[in-house]
Amino acid sequence: MVRSVLFSVALSALLIYAVLRLQSAYEERLAFNRVTRVDIYADRITYRNNMYATTSLLANGLKAIKDPPRKVELHVCSRMDDFEDVLDVLRAEGYREFEIELPDC
């Protein structure tokens, strides 16, 4: 009786360990495939899940989050000045390696 209870507890612990390892591997894969990006639209700048009206607000968001963007994309040609300001902000924060996408103007 005691032997079967101990076997059941050990098997349950092994199952819990396996599920936690699978969850950990899954979350690592999600973090690896995520591309952090800065998008510049006609009315806003987005970074991760936040929207910013100006580049100075974006600079504050970059300082707070400290997650380097891998991609900067300009969606409208009329915001080219803001695009240049965003690049200046990113370089001032020390972020130098990211992709740049520009629309056909």
PDB file of N, CA and C in Angstrom:
ATOM      1  N   MET A   1       0.819  -1.181   0.000  1.00  0.00           N
ATOM      2  CA  MET A   1       0.000   0.000   0.000  1.00  0.00           C
ATOM      3  C   MET A   1       0.877   1.265   0.000  1.00  0.00           C
ATOM      4  N   VAL A   2       1.855   1.332   0.895  1.00  0.00           N
ATOM      5  CA  VAL A   2       2.748   2.481   0.980  1.00  0.00           C
ATOM      6  C   VAL A   2       3.570   2.597  -0.301  1.00  0.00           C
ATOM      7  N   ARG A   3       3.992   1.445  -0.815  1.00  0.00           N
ATOM      8  CA  ARG A   3       4.789   1.422  -2.030  1.00  0.00           C
ATOM      9  C   ARG A   3       3.997   1.992  -3.209  1.00  0.00           C
ATOM     10  N   SER A   4       2.749   1.663  -3.345  1.00  0.00           N
ATOM     11  CA  SER A   4       1.928   2.167  -4.454  1.00  0.00           C
ATOM     12  C   SER A   4       1.666   3.667  -4.307  1.00  0.00           C
ATOM     13  N   VAL A   5       1.495   4.160  -3.086  1.00  0.00           N
ATOM     14  CA  VAL A   5       1.300   5.587  -2.867  1.00  0.00           C
ATOM     15  C   VAL A   5       2.572   6.347  -3.230  1.00  0.00           C
ATOM     16  N   LEU A   6       3.726   5.862  -2.804  1.00  0.00           N
ATOM     17  CA  LEU A   6       4.991   6.516  -3.146  1.00  0.00           C
ATOM     18  C   LEU A   6       5.245   6.500  -4.648  1.00  0.00           C
ATOM     19  N   PHE A   7       4.903   5.395  -5.300  1.00  0.00           N
ATOM     20  CA  PHE A   7       5.046   5.309  -6.747  1.00  0.00           C
ATOM     21  C   PHE A   7       4.139   6.337  -7.428  1.00  0.00           C
ATOM     22  N   SER A   8       2.925   6.488  -6.938  1.00  0.00           N
ATOM     23  CA  SER A   8       1.986   7.450  -7.499  1.00  0.00           C
ATOM     24  C   SER A   8       2.483   8.879  -7.308  1.00  0.00           C
ATOM     25  N   VAL A   9       3.013   9.200  -6.155  1.00  0.00           N
ATOM     26  CA  VAL A   9       3.542  10.538  -5.891  1.00  0.00           C
ATOM     27  C   VAL A   9       4.751  10.825  -6.788  1.00  0.00           C
ATOM     28  N   ALA A  10       5.636   9.847  -6.933  1.00  0.00           N
ATOM     29  CA  ALA A  10       6.812  10.025  -7.781  1.00  0.00           C
ATOM     30  C   ALA A  10       6.407  10.217  -9.236  1.00  0.00           C
ATOM     31  N   LEU A  11       5.450   9.461  -9.703  1.00  0.00           N
ATOM     32  CA  LEU A  11       4.969   9.584 -11.075  1.00  0.00           C
ATOM     33  C   LEU A  11       4.311  10.948 -11.304  1.00  0.00           C
ATOM     34  N   SER A  12       3.554  11.417 -10.327  1.00  0.00           N
ATOM     35  CA  SER A  12       2.923  12.733 -10.430  1.00  0.00           C
ATOM     36  C   SER A  12       3.981  13.841 -10.470  1.00  0.00           C
ATOM     37  N   ALA A  13       5.006  13.716  -9.649  1.00  0.00           N
ATOM     38  CA  ALA A  13       6.079  14.713  -9.650  1.00  0.00           C
ATOM     39  C   ALA A  13       6.809  14.729 -10.983  1.00  0.00           C
ATOM     40  N   LEU A  14       7.043  13.575 -11.547  1.00  0.00           N
ATOM     41  CA  LEU A  14       7.690  13.491 -12.851  1.00  0.00           C
ATOM     42  C   LEU A  14       6.819  14.119 -13.934  1.00  0.00           C
ATOM     43  N   LEU A  15       5.542  13.905 -13.885  1.00  0.00           N
ATOM     44  CA  LEU A  15       4.621  14.489 -14.856  1.00  0.00           C
ATOM     45  C   LEU A  15       4.586  16.014 -14.720  1.00  0.00           C
ATOM     46  N   ILE A  16       4.551  16.526 -13.516  1.00  0.00           N
ATOM     47  CA  ILE A  16       4.557  17.976 -13.298  1.00  0.00           C
ATOM     48  C   ILE A  16       5.859  18.585 -13.810  1.00  0.00           C
ATOM     49  N   TYR A  17       6.976  17.927 -13.551  1.00  0.00           N
ATOM     50  CA  TYR A  17       8.266  18.408 -14.035  1.00  0.00           C
ATOM     51  C   TYR A  17       8.277  18.463 -15.566  1.00  0.00           C
ATOM     52  N   ALA A  18       7.746  17.433 -16.202  1.00  0.00           N
ATOM     53  CA  ALA A  18       7.727  17.396 -17.673  1.00  0.00           C
ATOM     54  C   ALA A  18       6.856  18.513 -18.229  1.00  0.00           C
ATOM     55  N   VAL A  19       5.720  18.768 -17.625  1.00  0.00           N
ATOM     56  CA  VAL A  19       4.843  19.836 -18.111  1.00  0.00           C
ATOM     57  C   VAL A  19       5.510  21.194 -17.934  1.00  0.00           C
ATOM     58  N   LEU A  20       6.171  21.415 -16.817  1.00  0.00           N
ATOM     59  CA  LEU A  20       6.860  22.683 -16.609  1.00  0.00           C
ATOM     60  C   LEU A  20       8.008  22.875 -17.591  1.00  0.00           C
ATOM     61  N   ARG A  21       8.724  21.838 -17.921  1.00  0.00           N
ATOM     62  CA  ARG A  21       9.798  21.923 -18.911  1.00  0.00           C
ATOM     63  C   ARG A  21       9.237  22.245 -20.300  1.00  0.00           C
ATOM     64  N   LEU A  22       8.124  21.622 -20.667  1.00  0.00           N
ATOM     65  CA  LEU A  22       7.495  21.908 -21.958  1.00  0.00           C
ATOM     66  C   LEU A  22       7.023  23.361 -22.019  1.00  0.00           C
ATOM     67  N   GLN A  23       6.444  23.846 -20.946  1.00  0.00           N
ATOM     68  CA  GLN A  23       5.989  25.226 -20.910  1.00  0.00           C
ATOM     69  C   GLN A  23       7.173  26.185 -21.039  1.00  0.00           C
ATOM     70  N   SER A  24       8.248  25.903 -20.362  1.00  0.00           N
ATOM     71  CA  SER A  24       9.443  26.735 -20.436  1.00  0.00           C
ATOM     72  C   SER A  24      10.005  26.770 -21.853  1.00  0.00           C
ATOM     73  N   ALA A  25      10.082  25.622 -22.498  1.00  0.00           N
ATOM     74  CA  ALA A  25      10.585  25.558 -23.869  1.00  0.00           C
ATOM     75  C   ALA A  25       9.668  26.324 -24.821  1.00  0.00           C
ATOM     76  N   TYR A  26       8.364  26.226 -24.608  1.00  0.00           N
ATOM     77  CA  TYR A  26       7.398  26.931 -25.450  1.00  0.00           C
ATOM     78  C   TYR A  26       7.545  28.445 -25.288  1.00  0.00           C
ATOM     79  N   GLU A  27       7.680  28.919 -24.063  1.00  0.00           N
ATOM     80  CA  GLU A  27       7.821  30.355 -23.831  1.00  0.00           C
ATOM     81  C   GLU A  27       9.137  30.886 -24.379  1.00  0.00           C
ATOM     82  N   GLU A  28      10.200  30.117 -24.315  1.00  0.00           N
ATOM     83  CA  GLU A  28      11.473  30.541 -24.897  1.00  0.00           C
ATOM     84  C   GLU A  28      11.359  30.674 -26.405  1.00  0.00           C
ATOM     85  N   ARG A  29      10.650  29.764 -27.021  1.00  0.00           N
ATOM     86  CA  ARG A  29      10.467  29.825 -28.473  1.00  0.00           C
ATOM     87  C   ARG A  29       9.633  31.029 -28.862  1.00  0.00           C
ATOM     88  N   LEU A  30       8.614  31.363 -28.077  1.00  0.00           N
ATOM     89  CA  LEU A  30       7.814  32.544 -28.367  1.00  0.00           C
ATOM     90  C   LEU A  30       8.654  33.810 -28.267  1.00  0.00           C
ATOM     91  N   ALA A  31       9.478  33.903 -27.247  1.00  0.00           N
ATOM     92  CA  ALA A  31      10.316  35.081 -27.078  1.00  0.00           C
ATOM     93  C   ALA A  31      11.353  35.186 -28.197  1.00  0.00           C
ATOM     94  N   PHE A  32      11.822  34.073 -28.686  1.00  0.00           N
ATOM     95  CA  PHE A  32      12.824  34.085 -29.748  1.00  0.00           C
ATOM     96  C   PHE A  32      12.227  34.551 -31.062  1.00  0.00           C
ATOM     97  N   ASN A  33      10.991  34.180 -31.374  1.00  0.00           N
ATOM     98  CA  ASN A  33      10.378  34.514 -32.654  1.00  0.00           C
ATOM     99  C   ASN A  33       9.753  35.903 -32.677  1.00  0.00           C
ATOM    100  N   ARG A  34       9.654  36.551 -31.542  1.00  0.00           N
ATOM    101  CA  ARG A  34       9.028  37.859 -31.475  1.00  0.00           C
ATOM    102  C   ARG A  34       9.972  38.916 -32.047  1.00  0.00           C
ATOM    103  N   VAL A  35       9.445  39.751 -32.906  1.00  0.00           N
ATOM    104  CA  VAL A  35      10.236  40.836 -33.481  1.00  0.00           C
ATOM    105  C   VAL A  35       9.727  42.139 -32.878  1.00  0.00           C
ATOM    106  N   THR A  36      10.568  42.782 -32.102  1.00  0.00           N
ATOM    107  CA  THR A  36      10.215  44.074 -31.533  1.00  0.00           C
ATOM    108  C   THR A  36      10.436  45.123 -32.607  1.00  0.00           C
ATOM    109  N   ARG A  37       9.422  45.959 -32.819  1.00  0.00           N
ATOM    110  CA  ARG A  37       9.509  46.897 -33.925  1.00  0.00           C
ATOM    111  C   ARG A  37       8.948  48.255 -33.542  1.00  0.00           C
ATOM    112  N   VAL A  38       9.394  49.257 -34.271  1.00  0.00           N
ATOM    113  CA  VAL A  38       8.866  50.613 -34.181  1.00  0.00           C
ATOM    114  C   VAL A  38       8.202  50.899 -35.513  1.00  0.00           C
ATOM    115  N   ASP A  39       6.907  51.220 -35.475  1.00  0.00           N
ATOM    116  CA  ASP A  39       6.157  51.550 -36.684  1.00  0.00           C
ATOM    117  C   ASP A  39       5.750  53.008 -36.629  1.00  0.00           C
ATOM    118  N   ILE A  40       5.963  53.714 -37.726  1.00  0.00           N
ATOM    119  CA  ILE A  40       5.616  55.129 -37.802  1.00  0.00           C
ATOM    120  C   ILE A  40       4.478  55.267 -38.804  1.00  0.00           C
ATOM    121  N   TYR A  41       3.290  55.560 -38.274  1.00  0.00           N
ATOM    122  CA  TYR A  41       2.091  55.748 -39.085  1.00  0.00           C
ATOM    123  C   TYR A  41       1.814  57.233 -39.237  1.00  0.00           C
ATOM    124  N   ALA A  42       0.761  57.579 -39.947  1.00  0.00           N
ATOM    125  CA  ALA A  42       0.426  58.983 -40.190  1.00  0.00           C
ATOM    126  C   ALA A  42       0.062  59.719 -38.909  1.00  0.00           C
ATOM    127  N   ASP A  43      -0.530  59.033 -37.944  1.00  0.00           N
ATOM    128  CA  ASP A  43      -1.009  59.712 -36.738  1.00  0.00           C
ATOM    129  C   ASP A  43      -0.352  59.256 -35.443  1.00  0.00           C
ATOM    130  N   ARG A  44       0.528  58.265 -35.520  1.00  0.00           N
ATOM    131  CA  ARG A  44       1.105  57.738 -34.282  1.00  0.00           C
ATOM    132  C   ARG A  44       2.397  56.982 -34.560  1.00  0.00           C
ATOM    133  N   ILE A  45       3.121  56.724 -33.484  1.00  0.00           N
ATOM    134  CA  ILE A  45       4.307  55.874 -33.505  1.00  0.00           C
ATOM    135  C   ILE A  45       4.022  54.727 -32.545  1.00  0.00           C
ATOM    136  N   THR A  46       4.206  53.501 -32.995  1.00  0.00           N
ATOM    137  CA  THR A  46       3.958  52.365 -32.116  1.00  0.00           C
ATOM    138  C   THR A  46       5.275  51.656 -31.823  1.00  0.00           C
ATOM    139  N   TYR A  47       5.388  51.211 -30.582  1.00  0.00           N
ATOM    140  CA  TYR A  47       6.548  50.441 -30.137  1.00  0.00           C
ATOM    141  C   TYR A  47       6.031  49.398 -29.172  1.00  0.00           C
ATOM    142  N   ARG A  48       6.230  48.138 -29.525  1.00  0.00           N
ATOM    143  CA  ARG A  48       5.667  47.013 -28.784  1.00  0.00           C
ATOM    144  C   ARG A  48       4.152  47.150 -28.753  1.00  0.00           C
ATOM    145  N   ASN A  49       3.527  47.280 -27.606  1.00  0.00           N
ATOM    146  CA  ASN A  49       2.066  47.394 -27.532  1.00  0.00           C
ATOM    147  C   ASN A  49       1.608  48.804 -27.206  1.00  0.00           C
ATOM    148  N   ASN A  50       2.498  49.769 -27.277  1.00  0.00           N
ATOM    149  CA  ASN A  50       2.173  51.138 -26.888  1.00  0.00           C
ATOM    150  C   ASN A  50       2.158  52.061 -28.095  1.00  0.00           C
ATOM    151  N   MET A  51       1.355  53.118 -27.992  1.00  0.00           N
ATOM    152  CA  MET A  51       1.282  54.139 -29.036  1.00  0.00           C
ATOM    153  C   MET A  51       1.803  55.456 -28.477  1.00  0.00           C
ATOM    154  N   TYR A  52       2.572  56.173 -29.293  1.00  0.00           N
ATOM    155  CA  TYR A  52       3.151  57.444 -28.881  1.00  0.00           C
ATOM    156  C   TYR A  52       2.823  58.492 -29.932  1.00  0.00           C
ATOM    157  N   ALA A  53       2.527  59.716 -29.485  1.00  0.00           N
ATOM    158  CA  ALA A  53       2.190  60.792 -30.409  1.00  0.00           C
ATOM    159  C   ALA A  53       3.441  61.493 -30.928  1.00  0.00           C
ATOM    160  N   THR A  54       4.495  61.534 -30.113  1.00  0.00           N
ATOM    161  CA  THR A  54       5.714  62.252 -30.499  1.00  0.00           C
ATOM    162  C   THR A  54       6.936  61.369 -30.259  1.00  0.00           C
ATOM    163  N   THR A  55       8.046  61.802 -30.830  1.00  0.00           N
ATOM    164  CA  THR A  55       9.282  61.043 -30.644  1.00  0.00           C
ATOM    165  C   THR A  55       9.835  61.191 -29.231  1.00  0.00           C
ATOM    166  N   SER A  56       9.554  62.304 -28.566  1.00  0.00           N
ATOM    167  CA  SER A  56      10.020  62.451 -27.185  1.00  0.00           C
ATOM    168  C   SER A  56       9.312  61.470 -26.259  1.00  0.00           C
ATOM    169  N   LEU A  57       8.028  61.220 -26.513  1.00  0.00           N
ATOM    170  CA  LEU A  57       7.319  60.201 -25.732  1.00  0.00           C
ATOM    171  C   LEU A  57       7.869  58.810 -26.040  1.00  0.00           C
ATOM    172  N   LEU A  58       8.221  58.575 -27.295  1.00  0.00           N
ATOM    173  CA  LEU A  58       8.843  57.303 -27.658  1.00  0.00           C
ATOM    174  C   LEU A  58      10.176  57.133 -26.935  1.00  0.00           C
ATOM    175  N   ALA A  59      10.940  58.205 -26.824  1.00  0.00           N
ATOM    176  CA  ALA A  59      12.220  58.133 -26.115  1.00  0.00           C
ATOM    177  C   ALA A  59      12.014  57.731 -24.660  1.00  0.00           C
ATOM    178  N   ASN A  60      10.982  58.272 -24.034  1.00  0.00           N
ATOM    179  CA  ASN A  60      10.670  57.884 -22.655  1.00  0.00           C
ATOM    180  C   ASN A  60      10.271  56.408 -22.583  1.00  0.00           C
ATOM    181  N   GLY A  61       9.500  55.946 -23.561  1.00  0.00           N
ATOM    182  CA  GLY A  61       9.106  54.538 -23.597  1.00  0.00           C
ATOM    183  C   GLY A  61      10.293  53.614 -23.796  1.00  0.00           C
ATOM    184  N   LEU A  62      11.232  54.015 -24.636  1.00  0.00           N
ATOM    185  CA  LEU A  62      12.434  53.209 -24.849  1.00  0.00           C
ATOM    186  C   LEU A  62      13.270  53.111 -23.585  1.00  0.00           C
ATOM    187  N   LYS A  63      13.363  54.206 -22.838  1.00  0.00           N
ATOM    188  CA  LYS A  63      14.131  54.191 -21.597  1.00  0.00           C
ATOM    189  C   LYS A  63      13.465  53.298 -20.557  1.00  0.00           C
ATOM    190  N   ALA A  64      12.141  53.290 -20.550  1.00  0.00           N
ATOM    191  CA  ALA A  64      11.418  52.515 -19.545  1.00  0.00           C
ATOM    192  C   ALA A  64      11.427  51.022 -19.856  1.00  0.00           C
ATOM    193  N   ILE A  65      11.279  50.665 -21.110  1.00  0.00           N
ATOM    194  CA  ILE A  65      11.117  49.253 -21.476  1.00  0.00           C
ATOM    195  C   ILE A  65      12.455  48.567 -21.683  1.00  0.00           C
ATOM    196  N   LYS A  66      13.405  49.241 -22.304  1.00  0.00           N
ATOM    197  CA  LYS A  66      14.754  48.691 -22.560  1.00  0.00           C
ATOM    198  C   LYS A  66      14.728  47.375 -23.331  1.00  0.00           C
ATOM    199  N   ASP A  67      13.893  47.307 -24.353  1.00  0.00           N
ATOM    200  CA  ASP A  67      13.837  46.156 -25.246  1.00  0.00           C
ATOM    201  C   ASP A  67      14.217  46.660 -26.632  1.00  0.00           C
ATOM    202  N   PRO A  68      15.403  46.323 -27.127  1.00  0.00           N
ATOM    203  CA  PRO A  68      15.859  46.918 -28.387  1.00  0.00           C
ATOM    204  C   PRO A  68      14.984  46.502 -29.562  1.00  0.00           C
ATOM    205  N   PRO A  69      14.609  47.461 -30.398  1.00  0.00           N
ATOM    206  CA  PRO A  69      13.821  47.120 -31.582  1.00  0.00           C
ATOM    207  C   PRO A  69      14.693  46.451 -32.633  1.00  0.00           C
ATOM    208  N   ARG A  70      14.120  45.510 -33.320  1.00  0.00           N
ATOM    209  CA  ARG A  70      14.829  44.835 -34.415  1.00  0.00           C
ATOM    210  C   ARG A  70      14.447  45.397 -35.771  1.00  0.00           C
ATOM    211  N   LYS A  71      13.349  46.192 -35.790  1.00  0.00           N
ATOM    212  CA  LYS A  71      12.877  46.699 -37.071  1.00  0.00           C
ATOM    213  C   LYS A  71      12.232  48.072 -36.860  1.00  0.00           C
ATOM    214  N   VAL A  72      12.513  48.999 -37.774  1.00  0.00           N
ATOM    215  CA  VAL A  72      11.883  50.318 -37.791  1.00  0.00           C
ATOM    216  C   VAL A  72      11.242  50.467 -39.160  1.00  0.00           C
ATOM    217  N   GLU A  73       9.943  50.744 -39.174  1.00  0.00           N
ATOM    218  CA  GLU A  73       9.232  50.824 -40.447  1.00  0.00           C
ATOM    219  C   GLU A  73       8.447  52.123 -40.539  1.00  0.00           C
ATOM    220  N   LEU A  74       8.649  52.828 -41.631  1.00  0.00           N
ATOM    221  CA  LEU A  74       7.899  54.036 -41.942  1.00  0.00           C
ATOM    222  C   LEU A  74       6.768  53.645 -42.877  1.00  0.00           C
ATOM    223  N   HIS A  75       5.538  53.997 -42.535  1.00  0.00           N
ATOM    224  CA  HIS A  75       4.388  53.590 -43.332  1.00  0.00           C
ATOM    225  C   HIS A  75       3.888  54.682 -44.274  1.00  0.00           C
ATOM    226  N   VAL A  76       4.182  55.953 -43.972  1.00  0.00           N
ATOM    227  CA  VAL A  76       3.760  57.063 -44.834  1.00  0.00           C
ATOM    228  C   VAL A  76       4.936  57.995 -45.058  1.00  0.00           C
ATOM    229  N   CYS A  77       5.057  58.506 -46.258  1.00  0.00           N
ATOM    230  CA  CYS A  77       6.202  59.357 -46.601  1.00  0.00           C
ATOM    231  C   CYS A  77       6.140  60.727 -45.940  1.00  0.00           C
ATOM    232  N   SER A  78       4.973  61.176 -45.544  1.00  0.00           N
ATOM    233  CA  SER A  78       4.843  62.503 -44.947  1.00  0.00           C
ATOM    234  C   SER A  78       5.483  62.598 -43.566  1.00  0.00           C
ATOM    235  N   ARG A  79       5.821  61.496 -42.963  1.00  0.00           N
ATOM    236  CA  ARG A  79       6.430  61.501 -41.629  1.00  0.00           C
ATOM    237  C   ARG A  79       7.929  61.209 -41.680  1.00  0.00           C
ATOM    238  N   MET A  80       8.578  61.581 -42.766  1.00  0.00           N
ATOM    239  CA  MET A  80      10.008  61.326 -42.907  1.00  0.00           C
ATOM    240  C   MET A  80      10.823  62.051 -41.839  1.00  0.00           C
ATOM    241  N   ASP A  81      10.406  63.272 -41.451  1.00  0.00           N
ATOM    242  CA  ASP A  81      11.125  63.992 -40.389  1.00  0.00           C
ATOM    243  C   ASP A  81      11.043  63.239 -39.070  1.00  0.00           C
ATOM    244  N   ASP A  82       9.857  62.706 -38.773  1.00  0.00           N
ATOM    245  CA  ASP A  82       9.701  61.919 -37.548  1.00  0.00           C
ATOM    246  C   ASP A  82      10.517  60.634 -37.616  1.00  0.00           C
ATOM    247  N   PHE A  83      10.617  60.048 -38.802  1.00  0.00           N
ATOM    248  CA  PHE A  83      11.423  58.848 -38.986  1.00  0.00           C
ATOM    249  C   PHE A  83      12.888  59.131 -38.640  1.00  0.00           C
ATOM    250  N   GLU A  84      13.392  60.260 -39.127  1.00  0.00           N
ATOM    251  CA  GLU A  84      14.779  60.638 -38.824  1.00  0.00           C
ATOM    252  C   GLU A  84      14.960  60.898 -37.331  1.00  0.00           C
ATOM    253  N   ASP A  85      13.955  61.530 -36.712  1.00  0.00           N
ATOM    254  CA  ASP A  85      14.028  61.768 -35.267  1.00  0.00           C
ATOM    255  C   ASP A  85      14.024  60.459 -34.488  1.00  0.00           C
ATOM    256  N   VAL A  86      13.214  59.488 -34.941  1.00  0.00           N
ATOM    257  CA  VAL A  86      13.167  58.176 -34.288  1.00  0.00           C
ATOM    258  C   VAL A  86      14.528  57.497 -34.392  1.00  0.00           C
ATOM    259  N   LEU A  87      15.156  57.580 -35.560  1.00  0.00           N
ATOM    260  CA  LEU A  87      16.494  56.993 -35.719  1.00  0.00           C
ATOM    261  C   LEU A  87      17.502  57.665 -34.791  1.00  0.00           C
ATOM    262  N   ASP A  88      17.396  58.994 -34.659  1.00  0.00           N
ATOM    263  CA  ASP A  88      18.289  59.705 -33.739  1.00  0.00           C
ATOM    264  C   ASP A  88      18.066  59.256 -32.301  1.00  0.00           C
ATOM    265  N   VAL A  89      16.802  59.081 -31.912  1.00  0.00           N
ATOM    266  CA  VAL A  89      16.478  58.631 -30.545  1.00  0.00           C
ATOM    267  C   VAL A  89      17.035  57.233 -30.309  1.00  0.00           C
ATOM    268  N   LEU A  90      16.853  56.348 -31.279  1.00  0.00           N
ATOM    269  CA  LEU A  90      17.349  54.975 -31.128  1.00  0.00           C
ATOM    270  C   LEU A  90      18.871  54.957 -30.999  1.00  0.00           C
ATOM    271  N   ARG A  91      19.536  55.749 -31.810  1.00  0.00           N
ATOM    272  CA  ARG A  91      21.005  55.800 -31.741  1.00  0.00           C
ATOM    273  C   ARG A  91      21.473  56.410 -30.431  1.00  0.00           C
ATOM    274  N   ALA A  92      20.735  57.399 -29.926  1.00  0.00           N
ATOM    275  CA  ALA A  92      21.094  58.012 -28.643  1.00  0.00           C
ATOM    276  C   ALA A  92      20.958  57.012 -27.493  1.00  0.00           C
ATOM    277  N   GLU A  93      20.022  56.087 -27.623  1.00  0.00           N
ATOM    278  CA  GLU A  93      19.840  55.054 -26.596  1.00  0.00           C
ATOM    279  C   GLU A  93      20.852  53.914 -26.749  1.00  0.00           C
ATOM    280  N   GLY A  94      21.632  53.925 -27.829  1.00  0.00           N
ATOM    281  CA  GLY A  94      22.656  52.907 -28.023  1.00  0.00           C
ATOM    282  C   GLY A  94      22.224  51.749 -28.899  1.00  0.00           C
ATOM    283  N   TYR A  95      21.044  51.856 -29.508  1.00  0.00           N
ATOM    284  CA  TYR A  95      20.566  50.792 -30.393  1.00  0.00           C
ATOM    285  C   TYR A  95      21.065  51.075 -31.799  1.00  0.00           C
ATOM    286  N   ARG A  96      21.885  50.186 -32.310  1.00  0.00           N
ATOM    287  CA  ARG A  96      22.502  50.404 -33.617  1.00  0.00           C
ATOM    288  C   ARG A  96      22.145  49.336 -34.643  1.00  0.00           C
ATOM    289  N   GLU A  97      21.678  48.186 -34.203  1.00  0.00           N
ATOM    290  CA  GLU A  97      21.412  47.086 -35.131  1.00  0.00           C
ATOM    291  C   GLU A  97      19.918  46.838 -35.238  1.00  0.00           C
ATOM    292  N   PHE A  98      19.335  47.321 -36.341  1.00  0.00           N
ATOM    293  CA  PHE A  98      17.922  47.089 -36.614  1.00  0.00           C
ATOM    294  C   PHE A  98      17.685  47.257 -38.113  1.00  0.00           C
ATOM    295  N   GLU A  99      16.637  46.623 -38.585  1.00  0.00           N
ATOM    296  CA  GLU A  99      16.251  46.737 -39.989  1.00  0.00           C
ATOM    297  C   GLU A  99      15.461  48.018 -40.188  1.00  0.00           C
ATOM    298  N   ILE A 100      15.531  48.547 -41.394  1.00  0.00           N
ATOM    299  CA  ILE A 100      14.767  49.750 -41.750  1.00  0.00           C
ATOM    300  C   ILE A 100      13.949  49.435 -42.992  1.00  0.00           C
ATOM    301  N   GLU A 101      12.656  49.739 -42.926  1.00  0.00           N
ATOM    302  CA  GLU A 101      11.777  49.574 -44.088  1.00  0.00           C
ATOM    303  C   GLU A 101      11.139  50.906 -44.411  1.00  0.00           C
ATOM    304  N   LEU A 102      11.231  51.294 -45.677  1.00  0.00           N
ATOM    305  CA  LEU A 102      10.658  52.546 -46.145  1.00  0.00           C
ATOM    306  C   LEU A 102       9.641  52.265 -47.235  1.00  0.00           C
ATOM    307  N   PRO A 103       8.584  53.083 -47.322  1.00  0.00           N
ATOM    308  CA  PRO A 103       7.603  52.898 -48.404  1.00  0.00           C
ATOM    309  C   PRO A 103       8.153  53.459 -49.717  1.00  0.00           C
ATOM    310  N   ASP A 104       7.528  53.078 -50.806  1.00  0.00           N
ATOM    311  CA  ASP A 104       7.898  53.626 -52.117  1.00  0.00           C
ATOM    312  C   ASP A 104       7.288  55.018 -52.236  1.00  0.00           C
ATOM    313  N   CYS A 105       8.156  56.020 -52.258  1.00  0.00           N
ATOM    314  CA  CYS A 105       7.663  57.408 -52.331  1.00  0.00           C
ATOM    315  C   CYS A 105       7.976  57.993 -53.687  1.00  0.00           C
TER     316      CYS A 105
END
